[in-house]
């Protein structure tokens, strides 16, 4: 009897697959989450994680937290390098140029994620170089964090490959 009751409960229990979670950033830069769409705000729909813990996205694909959103900014993107670029150069230095409009709001700071590792960005700088990144494929995403370290805006995740150029006179 208990076995049949358990099977019935599992079969008829609500699955929660219709549940939606919305995320938005208010004018003060605070991030909010709700099961109801905000009436007059641009919101990002978030798929609830119902699977096991850990990163379930296949390698090279964006995980749920990699989705871009503008938050309180009109524009936020990585201008350089461009997505899918193959950069052939003599040093393993990556030049990054960001578009951010308006400039950083009070209490916000830039954060760059390179291959799932945070990279320090000079306060307010939207153009910089990262040295010693290695000659290989890389994943890059820029984010704006508030004073508490919460992400209030993020760029699309992009993939770029850095290759070493051959010294003059040598053929590959």
Protein backbone atom coordinates (compact mmCIF):
# COMPACT_ATOMS: atom_id res chain seq x y z
CA UNK A 1 0.00 0.00 0.00
CA UNK A 2 2.77 2.47 0.95
CA UNK A 3 4.57 1.66 -2.27
CA UNK A 4 1.46 2.56 -4.32
CA UNK A 5 0.95 5.77 -2.33
CA UNK A 6 4.57 6.82 -2.96
CA UNK A 7 4.22 6.18 -6.71
CA UNK A 8 0.97 8.19 -6.79
CA UNK A 9 2.56 11.11 -4.92
CA UNK A 10 5.56 11.20 -7.24
CA UNK A 11 3.34 10.99 -10.31
CA UNK A 12 0.80 13.63 -9.25
CA UNK A 13 3.09 16.03 -7.36
CA UNK A 14 3.49 19.46 -8.98
CA UNK A 15 6.68 19.57 -10.98
CA UNK A 16 7.40 23.30 -10.77
CA UNK A 17 8.47 23.42 -14.41
CA UNK A 18 6.03 26.25 -15.06
CA UNK A 19 7.64 28.45 -12.41
CA UNK A 20 9.42 31.56 -13.64
CA UNK A 21 11.90 33.74 -11.82
CA UNK A 22 12.53 37.31 -12.91
CA UNK A 23 15.61 39.39 -12.10
CA UNK A 24 15.91 43.17 -12.43
CA UNK A 25 18.00 46.04 -11.15
CA UNK A 26 16.26 49.12 -9.76
CA UNK A 27 17.38 52.73 -10.28
CA UNK A 28 19.53 52.52 -7.12
CA UNK A 29 21.47 49.59 -8.57
CA UNK A 30 19.89 46.95 -6.27
CA UNK A 31 19.21 43.54 -7.78
CA UNK A 32 15.76 42.00 -7.18
CA UNK A 33 14.37 38.50 -7.79
CA UNK A 34 10.67 37.64 -7.95
CA UNK A 35 8.20 35.16 -9.36
CA UNK A 36 6.24 38.13 -10.78
CA UNK A 37 7.36 40.30 -13.68
CA UNK A 38 7.94 43.89 -12.52
CA UNK A 39 5.27 46.16 -14.05
CA UNK A 40 7.52 48.88 -15.49
CA UNK A 41 11.02 47.42 -15.50
CA UNK A 42 13.03 45.46 -18.04
CA UNK A 43 13.52 42.06 -16.43
CA UNK A 44 15.66 39.04 -17.23
CA UNK A 45 13.87 35.69 -17.04
CA UNK A 46 15.93 33.13 -15.12
CA UNK A 47 15.45 29.40 -15.52
CA UNK A 48 15.35 27.81 -12.07
CA UNK A 49 18.05 25.22 -11.48
CA UNK A 50 16.29 21.95 -10.82
CA UNK A 51 19.24 19.70 -11.54
CA UNK A 52 22.17 18.59 -9.41
CA UNK A 53 24.62 21.15 -8.09
CA UNK A 54 27.52 22.12 -10.30
CA UNK A 55 27.99 23.52 -13.77
CA UNK A 56 25.84 21.46 -16.11
CA UNK A 57 26.53 23.54 -19.22
CA UNK A 58 28.74 21.79 -21.76
CA UNK A 59 32.27 23.18 -22.02
CA UNK A 60 32.37 26.21 -24.30
CA UNK A 61 28.69 27.05 -23.77
CA UNK A 62 27.28 29.72 -21.50
CA UNK A 63 25.99 28.65 -18.12
CA UNK A 64 22.80 30.28 -16.77
CA UNK A 65 24.80 33.08 -15.06
CA UNK A 66 26.55 33.96 -18.32
CA UNK A 67 23.51 35.63 -19.88
CA UNK A 68 24.03 39.33 -20.63
CA UNK A 69 21.88 42.05 -19.10
CA UNK A 70 22.21 45.84 -18.99
CA UNK A 71 20.84 46.57 -15.53
CA UNK A 72 20.81 50.36 -15.01
CA UNK A 73 23.08 50.98 -18.03
CA UNK A 74 22.01 51.95 -21.55
CA UNK A 75 24.92 50.06 -23.16
CA UNK A 76 27.46 47.53 -21.87
CA UNK A 77 29.55 45.39 -24.22
CA UNK A 78 33.07 44.17 -25.01
CA UNK A 79 34.31 46.01 -28.12
CA UNK A 80 37.75 44.32 -28.22
CA UNK A 81 38.43 41.51 -28.68
CA UNK A 82 35.50 40.56 -30.87
CA UNK A 83 33.73 37.28 -30.32
CA UNK A 84 35.25 34.37 -32.21
CA UNK A 85 38.43 36.33 -33.01
CA UNK A 86 41.69 34.46 -33.55
CA UNK A 87 44.47 36.83 -32.51
CA UNK A 88 47.95 36.04 -33.83
CA UNK A 89 50.59 38.08 -32.01
CA UNK A 90 54.07 37.78 -30.48
CA UNK A 91 53.02 38.16 -26.81
CA UNK A 92 50.25 36.58 -24.76
CA UNK A 93 48.75 39.95 -23.84
CA UNK A 94 45.05 40.46 -24.38
CA UNK A 95 43.79 43.98 -25.12
CA UNK A 96 40.25 44.65 -23.83
CA UNK A 97 38.03 47.63 -24.70
CA UNK A 98 34.61 48.00 -23.08
CA UNK A 99 31.58 50.10 -23.98
CA UNK A 100 29.77 51.37 -20.87
CA UNK A 101 27.10 54.07 -21.04
CA UNK A 102 26.58 55.96 -18.84
CA UNK A 103 29.91 55.76 -16.96
CA UNK A 104 29.99 53.69 -13.76
CA UNK A 105 27.37 54.76 -11.26
CA UNK A 106 28.40 55.60 -7.68
CA UNK A 107 29.18 52.45 -5.71
CA UNK A 108 29.66 50.31 -8.83
CA UNK A 109 32.90 48.75 -10.08
CA UNK A 110 34.00 46.81 -13.15
CA UNK A 111 34.93 43.15 -12.98
CA UNK A 112 36.32 40.99 -15.80
CA UNK A 113 36.01 37.21 -15.82
CA UNK A 114 38.64 35.45 -17.94
CA UNK A 115 38.32 31.67 -18.15
CA UNK A 116 36.11 31.60 -15.01
CA UNK A 117 38.66 33.64 -12.98
CA UNK A 118 38.19 37.23 -11.87
CA UNK A 119 40.76 39.70 -13.22
CA UNK A 120 41.42 43.01 -11.49
CA UNK A 121 40.27 46.06 -13.45
CA UNK A 122 41.57 49.52 -12.63
CA UNK A 123 38.78 51.67 -11.17
CA UNK A 124 36.68 53.19 -13.95
CA UNK A 125 38.95 51.96 -16.75
CA UNK A 126 37.20 50.68 -19.88
CA UNK A 127 40.41 49.98 -21.82
CA UNK A 128 43.23 47.80 -20.49
CA UNK A 129 45.63 44.95 -21.24
CA UNK A 130 45.88 41.61 -19.48
CA UNK A 131 49.37 40.14 -19.65
CA UNK A 132 50.33 36.47 -19.45
CA UNK A 133 46.96 35.03 -20.44
CA UNK A 134 48.52 32.18 -22.45
CA UNK A 135 48.31 31.18 -26.09
CA UNK A 136 45.03 29.29 -26.09
CA UNK A 137 41.25 29.70 -26.35
CA UNK A 138 39.69 32.01 -23.75
CA UNK A 139 36.21 32.90 -22.45
CA UNK A 140 35.67 36.55 -21.47
CA UNK A 141 32.83 38.40 -19.78
CA UNK A 142 32.72 41.84 -18.18
CA UNK A 143 30.44 42.62 -15.25
CA UNK A 144 29.43 45.60 -13.14
CA UNK A 145 29.26 44.88 -9.42
CA UNK A 146 27.59 46.95 -6.73
CA UNK A 147 29.14 47.79 -3.34
CA UNK A 148 28.03 44.39 -1.96
CA UNK A 149 29.60 42.49 -4.86
CA UNK A 150 26.29 41.62 -6.56
CA UNK A 151 26.27 41.61 -10.36
CA UNK A 152 24.10 44.48 -11.64
CA UNK A 153 25.05 44.25 -15.34
CA UNK A 154 27.02 41.89 -17.57
CA UNK A 155 28.19 41.65 -21.15
CA UNK A 156 27.63 38.68 -23.42
CA UNK A 157 30.17 35.89 -22.90
CA UNK A 158 32.61 35.76 -25.78
CA UNK A 159 35.17 33.27 -26.98
CA UNK A 160 38.53 34.32 -28.41
CA UNK A 161 41.70 32.44 -29.30
CA UNK A 162 45.20 33.78 -28.83
CA UNK A 163 47.97 32.27 -30.99
CA UNK A 164 51.68 33.05 -31.05
CA UNK A 165 53.02 34.53 -34.25
CA UNK A 166 56.09 32.97 -35.84
CA UNK A 167 59.35 34.94 -35.58
CA UNK A 168 60.29 36.80 -38.79
CA UNK A 169 61.86 34.53 -41.39
CA UNK A 170 60.28 31.31 -40.06
CA UNK A 171 57.43 29.65 -41.85
CA UNK A 172 54.77 27.89 -39.81
